Amino acid sequence: MTAIRPKATLRSCLAAAVFGLGLAATPVAALAESWDMPTPYPDTNLHTVTVRQFAADVKAATGGKIDITVHSNGSLVKHPEIKRAVQSGQAQLGEVLVSSWGNEDPLFNLDTVPFLASDFASSRKLYEASKPYLEKKLERQRLKLLYSIPWPPQGLYVKEEIGSIDALKGQKFRAYNPATTRIAELAGAVPTKIEAAEVAQAFGTGIVTAMITSAATGVDSKAWDFVKVYYDVQAWLPRNMVFVSSEVWKGLDADAQKAITEAAAKAEAAGWVEWEKKTSELNKTLADNGVKVLPPSEKLKSGFVAIGKTMTDEWMKAAGADGAAIIEAFRK
């Protein structure tokens, strides 16, 4: 019997401990939160590096009360489902390419209108002009914008050198948003939806033969394995956005909201600076690995400029009064 008593006592102690924890469960949960954050890109990508630093800054600023787990490279939720996952409560916050949702609203397509804003300074000006409209749009979708940063200027990847846009006719053109689909159509190419993580396989199997994307995606996918030429056409600077569920945000106290807002502002400022610095490095990485990094010929550039004018007119017509107000503010 003496061997049983310690066990009985231990069970009693455990039961009391569990009971005590149960009484304290609600306030403890209110103080400490573990958040999931799905993102589309690999850990080496600067967007993911920025996100991880943002998560670390939030944890430090809140004293560990908000601990964000970053699920990179589509490991938790694939890119096309990230926005819905946050809206539906499957994740607390996430990162997406803004223009991936261009079919929902022209506003999401703004930063991919070719040659409207084709350097970092003009892209930042366009973002500031459109930011209030973007915030309101996301609010209606139960999301709160935290920050938005660009990719490097977009260039053209092809297997061989080309002299004009006519050479893209009939080519299988990688499309990753409505804008790149429209570019393919206007160039006479065949648009094919391919996410960034699938680029190398798509080229390797012949599903696509050309694409417009950043030098960053080219490096991430080791473009030198499947193309020979990169034309630095600097067509536009697409942006990513990081957002949090509005319901989650409303449940935070003022101190936590302030900490996250400040961490987001820091991430946004750093992201714009670092991507601009990194662009030339990425072009060099492509060249060092055997890709010809070339400026577009006048004929090739004029072809893209013509497409850009058509798409700007189409965008302004689709965006209506808000679109006109954004473009007016941008062009001041």
Protein backbone atom coordinates (compact mmCIF):
# COMPACT_ATOMS: atom_id res chain seq x y z
CA MET A 1 0.00 0.00 0.00
CA THR A 2 2.88 2.35 0.66
CA ALA A 3 3.84 2.30 -3.04
CA ILE A 4 0.33 3.34 -4.07
CA ARG A 5 0.05 6.41 -1.86
CA PRO A 6 2.72 8.49 -3.63
CA LYS A 7 1.01 7.78 -6.98
CA ALA A 8 -2.35 8.78 -5.57
CA THR A 9 -0.81 11.93 -4.15
CA LEU A 10 0.85 12.70 -7.49
CA ARG A 11 -2.47 12.26 -9.30
CA SER A 12 -4.13 14.58 -6.82
CA CYS A 13 -1.42 17.19 -7.29
CA LEU A 14 -1.69 16.95 -11.05
CA ALA A 15 -5.45 17.26 -10.91
CA ALA A 16 -5.13 20.34 -8.73
CA ALA A 17 -2.56 21.81 -11.08
CA VAL A 18 -4.76 21.20 -14.11
CA PHE A 19 -7.71 22.75 -12.28
CA GLY A 20 -5.59 25.78 -11.45
CA LEU A 21 -4.41 26.11 -15.03
CA GLY A 22 -7.97 25.85 -16.23
CA LEU A 23 -8.96 28.82 -14.08
CA ALA A 24 -6.11 30.85 -15.57
CA ALA A 25 -6.54 29.73 -19.20
CA THR A 26 -8.50 32.72 -20.42
CA PRO A 27 -6.14 35.50 -19.24
CA VAL A 28 -3.05 33.56 -20.36
CA ALA A 29 -4.50 33.12 -23.89
CA ALA A 30 -5.32 36.81 -23.98
CA LEU A 31 -1.72 37.70 -23.21
CA ALA A 32 0.10 35.25 -25.48
CA GLU A 33 -0.84 34.56 -29.08
CA SER A 34 0.78 32.30 -31.64
CA TRP A 35 0.12 33.47 -35.21
CA ASP A 36 0.61 31.65 -38.50
CA MET A 37 1.83 33.60 -41.52
CA PRO A 38 1.87 31.85 -44.90
CA THR A 39 4.12 33.37 -47.59
CA PRO A 40 4.77 32.29 -51.20
CA TYR A 41 8.55 32.60 -51.55
CA PRO A 42 11.68 30.71 -50.43
CA ASP A 43 13.73 31.74 -47.41
CA THR A 44 16.48 33.19 -49.62
CA ASN A 45 14.10 35.71 -51.20
CA LEU A 46 14.32 39.23 -49.77
CA HIS A 47 10.54 39.35 -49.25
CA THR A 48 10.80 36.37 -46.92
CA VAL A 49 13.89 37.78 -45.21
CA THR A 50 11.93 40.98 -44.57
CA VAL A 51 8.93 39.06 -43.26
CA ARG A 52 11.08 37.06 -40.84
CA GLN A 53 12.66 40.26 -39.51
CA PHE A 54 9.19 41.78 -39.15
CA ALA A 55 8.06 38.74 -37.16
CA ALA A 56 11.13 38.99 -34.91
CA ASP A 57 10.51 42.72 -34.36
CA VAL A 58 6.86 42.09 -33.42
CA LYS A 59 7.84 39.39 -30.94
CA ALA A 60 10.48 41.63 -29.34
CA ALA A 61 8.23 44.71 -29.21
CA THR A 62 5.37 42.78 -27.60
CA GLY A 63 7.57 40.96 -25.10
CA GLY A 64 6.78 37.63 -26.74
CA LYS A 65 3.02 38.10 -26.44
CA ILE A 66 2.66 37.79 -30.23
CA ASP A 67 4.79 35.04 -31.75
CA ILE A 68 4.52 34.83 -35.55
CA THR A 69 5.47 31.56 -37.27
CA VAL A 70 6.42 32.25 -40.89
CA HIS A 71 5.54 29.41 -43.29
CA SER A 72 7.60 30.22 -46.39
CA ASN A 73 7.52 28.92 -49.97
CA GLY A 74 3.83 28.01 -49.91
CA SER A 75 4.47 25.31 -47.31
CA LEU A 76 1.32 25.99 -45.28
CA VAL A 77 -0.98 27.60 -47.86
CA LYS A 78 -0.31 27.99 -51.57
CA HIS A 79 -0.10 31.53 -52.91
CA PRO A 80 -3.55 31.64 -54.60
CA GLU A 81 -5.21 30.65 -51.30
CA ILE A 82 -3.31 32.88 -48.83
CA LYS A 83 -5.67 35.86 -48.97
CA ARG A 84 -8.74 33.69 -48.43
CA ALA A 85 -6.97 31.79 -45.63
CA VAL A 86 -6.52 35.02 -43.68
CA GLN A 87 -10.05 36.20 -44.44
CA SER A 88 -11.50 32.90 -43.22
CA GLY A 89 -9.38 32.69 -40.06
CA GLN A 90 -7.13 29.82 -41.11
CA ALA A 91 -4.16 32.15 -40.62
CA GLN A 92 -3.81 35.46 -38.80
CA LEU A 93 -1.77 37.29 -41.44
CA GLY A 94 -0.09 36.66 -44.78
CA GLU A 95 1.87 38.02 -47.71
CA VAL A 96 0.79 38.00 -51.36
CA LEU A 97 1.60 39.62 -54.68
CA VAL A 98 -0.94 42.46 -54.98
CA SER A 99 -1.60 41.93 -58.68
CA SER A 100 -2.52 38.28 -58.24
CA TRP A 101 -5.99 39.56 -57.33
CA GLY A 102 -6.32 41.90 -60.30
CA ASN A 103 -9.44 40.09 -61.46
CA GLU A 104 -11.21 41.15 -58.26
CA ASP A 105 -10.60 44.85 -58.71
CA PRO A 106 -8.54 47.03 -61.11
CA LEU A 107 -6.88 48.62 -58.07
CA PHE A 108 -4.93 45.41 -57.48
CA ASN A 109 -3.56 45.63 -61.03
CA LEU A 110 -2.26 49.20 -60.83
CA ASP A 111 1.41 48.45 -60.17
CA THR A 112 1.65 46.12 -63.16
CA VAL A 113 0.58 48.61 -65.83
CA PRO A 114 3.69 48.59 -68.07
CA PHE A 115 5.82 51.75 -68.14
CA LEU A 116 3.47 53.72 -65.89
CA ALA A 117 6.02 53.59 -63.05
CA SER A 118 9.20 51.80 -64.04
CA ASP A 119 11.75 52.83 -61.40
CA PHE A 120 11.78 52.77 -57.60
CA ALA A 121 11.08 56.48 -57.11
CA SER A 122 8.06 56.57 -59.42
CA SER A 123 6.81 53.24 -58.08
CA ARG A 124 6.90 54.61 -54.54
CA LYS A 125 4.99 57.70 -55.67
CA LEU A 126 2.35 55.52 -57.33
CA TYR A 127 2.01 53.44 -54.16
CA GLU A 128 1.53 56.53 -51.97
CA ALA A 129 -1.11 57.88 -54.37
CA SER A 130 -3.04 54.60 -54.31
CA LYS A 131 -2.47 53.54 -50.68
CA PRO A 132 -5.64 55.11 -49.18
CA TYR A 133 -7.76 53.37 -51.82
CA LEU A 134 -5.97 50.07 -51.24
CA GLU A 135 -6.49 50.30 -47.48
CA LYS A 136 -10.21 50.95 -47.91
CA LYS A 137 -10.56 48.08 -50.38
CA LEU A 138 -8.87 45.65 -47.99
CA GLU A 139 -10.96 46.89 -45.05
CA ARG A 140 -14.09 45.89 -46.97
CA GLN A 141 -12.55 42.43 -47.34
CA ARG A 142 -11.90 42.09 -43.58
CA LEU A 143 -8.17 42.73 -43.97
CA LYS A 144 -5.85 45.44 -42.67
CA LEU A 145 -2.84 46.49 -44.75
CA LEU A 146 0.38 46.39 -42.74
CA TYR A 147 3.00 47.16 -45.39
CA SER A 148 3.80 46.87 -49.09
CA ILE A 149 7.18 46.62 -50.82
CA PRO A 150 8.20 46.16 -54.45
CA TRP A 151 10.01 43.63 -56.52
CA PRO A 152 12.83 44.80 -58.79
CA PRO A 153 11.86 46.12 -62.24
CA GLN A 154 10.48 43.40 -64.50
CA GLY A 155 12.49 42.07 -67.44
CA LEU A 156 11.99 39.63 -70.29
CA TYR A 157 13.47 36.12 -70.21
CA VAL A 158 13.80 34.29 -73.52
CA LYS A 159 15.74 31.33 -74.80
CA GLU A 160 17.45 33.27 -77.60
CA GLU A 161 17.98 36.94 -78.48
CA ILE A 162 15.02 38.66 -80.16
CA GLY A 163 14.83 41.91 -82.13
CA SER A 164 11.24 42.96 -81.57
CA ILE A 165 8.06 42.07 -79.73
CA ASP A 166 6.87 40.22 -82.83
CA ALA A 167 9.23 37.40 -81.86
CA LEU A 168 6.95 36.58 -78.92
CA LYS A 169 4.06 35.61 -81.21
CA GLY A 170 3.07 32.03 -80.59
CA GLN A 171 5.45 31.58 -77.67
CA LYS A 172 4.16 29.99 -74.46
CA PHE A 173 4.33 32.94 -72.10
CA ARG A 174 4.38 32.53 -68.31
CA ALA A 175 1.53 34.49 -66.72
CA TYR A 176 1.34 35.03 -62.97
CA ASN A 177 -1.41 37.67 -62.80
CA PRO A 178 -4.02 39.29 -65.06
CA ALA A 179 -1.53 41.91 -66.28
CA THR A 180 0.99 39.38 -67.58
CA THR A 181 -1.87 37.48 -69.19
CA ARG A 182 -2.91 40.65 -71.00
CA ILE A 183 0.67 41.41 -72.08
CA ALA A 184 0.89 37.93 -73.58
CA GLU A 185 -2.38 38.45 -75.45
CA LEU A 186 -1.32 41.84 -76.84
CA ALA A 187 2.05 40.41 -77.90
CA GLY A 188 0.41 37.47 -79.66
CA ALA A 189 1.83 34.94 -77.18
CA VAL A 190 -0.01 32.14 -75.38
CA PRO A 191 -0.45 32.95 -71.65
CA THR A 192 0.13 30.06 -69.25
CA LYS A 193 -0.49 30.43 -65.50
CA ILE A 194 2.62 29.39 -63.58
CA GLU A 195 3.54 30.27 -59.98
CA ALA A 196 7.10 31.31 -59.11
CA ALA A 197 7.92 28.00 -57.43
CA GLU A 198 7.06 26.11 -60.65
CA VAL A 199 9.02 28.23 -63.15
CA ALA A 200 12.05 25.97 -63.59
CA GLN A 201 9.91 22.87 -64.13
CA ALA A 202 7.63 24.71 -66.57
CA PHE A 203 10.57 25.78 -68.75
CA GLY A 204 12.21 22.39 -68.44
CA THR A 205 9.11 20.60 -69.72
CA GLY A 206 8.32 23.16 -72.44
CA ILE A 207 5.13 24.38 -70.80
CA VAL A 208 6.50 27.91 -71.11
CA THR A 209 9.23 29.38 -73.34
CA ALA A 210 9.30 33.04 -72.27
CA MET A 211 8.34 35.19 -69.30
CA ILE A 212 8.42 38.67 -67.81
CA THR A 213 9.45 38.70 -64.18
CA SER A 214 12.08 40.17 -61.89
CA ALA A 215 15.75 39.31 -61.66
CA ALA A 216 14.92 38.05 -58.16
CA THR A 217 12.62 35.34 -59.47
CA GLY A 218 15.22 34.54 -62.13
CA VAL A 219 17.84 33.96 -59.46
CA ASP A 220 15.45 32.05 -57.19
CA SER A 221 14.56 29.69 -60.05
CA LYS A 222 18.13 29.49 -61.45
CA ALA A 223 17.04 30.85 -64.81
CA TRP A 224 20.48 30.10 -66.30
CA ASP A 225 19.43 26.45 -66.41
CA PHE A 226 16.67 27.11 -68.95
CA VAL A 227 17.13 30.50 -70.71
CA LYS A 228 20.05 32.32 -72.28
CA VAL A 229 18.87 35.94 -72.41
CA TYR A 230 17.42 38.49 -69.99
CA TYR A 231 16.30 41.84 -71.40
CA ASP A 232 16.34 44.50 -68.69
CA VAL A 233 13.27 46.30 -70.02
CA GLN A 234 12.24 47.65 -66.58
CA ALA A 235 8.59 47.36 -67.49
CA TRP A 236 7.09 47.87 -64.00
CA LEU A 237 7.70 47.16 -60.32
CA PRO A 238 5.02 44.85 -58.92
CA ARG A 239 4.50 44.98 -55.17
CA ASN A 240 3.74 42.49 -52.45
CA MET A 241 1.47 43.35 -49.54
CA VAL A 242 1.38 42.03 -45.99
CA PHE A 243 -1.97 42.14 -44.23
CA VAL A 244 -3.60 40.93 -41.03
CA SER A 245 -7.15 39.78 -40.39
CA SER A 246 -9.31 42.74 -39.32
CA GLU A 247 -10.92 40.61 -36.64
CA VAL A 248 -7.55 39.64 -35.22
CA TRP A 249 -6.43 43.27 -35.34
CA LYS A 250 -9.52 44.52 -33.50
CA GLY A 251 -8.87 41.99 -30.75
CA LEU A 252 -5.49 43.51 -29.92
CA ASP A 253 -4.91 46.15 -27.28
CA ALA A 254 -3.55 49.57 -28.24
CA ASP A 255 0.03 48.71 -27.23
CA ALA A 256 0.10 45.62 -29.43
CA GLN A 257 -1.38 47.52 -32.38
CA LYS A 258 1.25 50.23 -31.95
CA ALA A 259 4.07 47.67 -31.81
CA ILE A 260 2.90 45.93 -34.99
CA THR A 261 2.36 49.22 -36.82
CA GLU A 262 5.89 50.35 -35.99
CA ALA A 263 7.39 46.99 -37.00
CA ALA A 264 5.47 47.16 -40.29
CA ALA A 265 6.71 50.69 -41.01
CA LYS A 266 10.28 49.53 -40.36
CA ALA A 267 9.82 46.53 -42.68
CA GLU A 268 8.35 48.69 -45.44
CA ALA A 269 11.15 51.27 -45.27
CA ALA A 270 13.84 48.57 -45.26
CA GLY A 271 12.19 46.61 -48.08
CA TRP A 272 12.16 49.55 -50.49
CA VAL A 273 15.80 50.40 -49.76
CA GLU A 274 17.09 46.83 -49.86
CA TRP A 275 15.34 45.84 -53.10
CA GLU A 276 16.77 48.88 -54.87
CA LYS A 277 20.27 48.02 -53.63
CA LYS A 278 19.84 44.37 -54.51
CA THR A 279 18.61 44.85 -58.09
CA SER A 280 22.06 45.39 -59.60
CA GLU A 281 23.40 42.45 -57.58
CA LEU A 282 20.70 40.18 -58.97
CA ASN A 283 21.42 41.23 -62.55
CA LYS A 284 25.09 40.47 -61.91
CA THR A 285 24.22 37.03 -60.51
CA LEU A 286 22.31 36.23 -63.70
CA ALA A 287 25.26 37.38 -65.82
CA ASP A 288 27.82 35.52 -63.69
CA ASN A 289 25.88 32.32 -64.30
CA GLY A 290 25.86 32.67 -68.08
CA VAL A 291 22.68 34.62 -68.81
CA LYS A 292 23.14 37.49 -71.28
CA VAL A 293 21.79 40.58 -69.48
CA LEU A 294 20.96 43.02 -72.28
CA PRO A 295 19.17 46.34 -72.75
CA PRO A 296 16.18 46.06 -75.08
CA SER A 297 16.60 47.26 -78.65
CA GLU A 298 14.63 50.37 -79.58
CA LYS A 299 12.24 48.23 -81.57
CA LEU A 300 11.64 45.84 -78.68
CA LYS A 301 11.20 48.69 -76.21
CA SER A 302 8.78 50.55 -78.49
CA GLY A 303 6.68 47.39 -78.73
CA PHE A 304 6.38 47.22 -74.95
CA VAL A 305 5.67 50.95 -74.71
CA ALA A 306 2.75 50.51 -77.13
CA ILE A 307 1.40 47.66 -75.02
CA GLY A 308 1.83 49.84 -71.93
CA LYS A 309 -0.22 52.66 -73.44
CA THR A 310 -3.03 50.27 -74.35
CA MET A 311 -3.03 48.77 -70.83
CA THR A 312 -2.94 52.19 -69.13
CA ASP A 313 -6.01 53.26 -71.11
CA GLU A 314 -7.75 49.97 -70.27
CA TRP A 315 -6.90 50.30 -66.59
CA MET A 316 -8.18 53.86 -66.28
CA LYS A 317 -11.43 52.91 -67.99
CA ALA A 318 -11.92 49.93 -65.67
CA ALA A 319 -10.93 51.81 -62.50
CA GLY A 320 -13.36 54.69 -63.05
CA ALA A 321 -13.32 57.77 -60.82
CA ASP A 322 -10.94 56.27 -58.23
CA GLY A 323 -8.49 55.35 -60.98
CA ALA A 324 -8.60 58.84 -62.44
CA ALA A 325 -7.97 60.34 -58.99
CA ILE A 326 -4.98 58.05 -58.40
CA ILE A 327 -3.39 58.81 -61.75
CA GLU A 328 -3.96 62.56 -61.28
CA ALA A 329 -2.27 62.45 -57.86
CA PHE A 330 0.57 60.35 -59.26
CA ARG A 331 1.24 62.68 -62.17
CA LYS A 332 1.32 65.88 -60.08
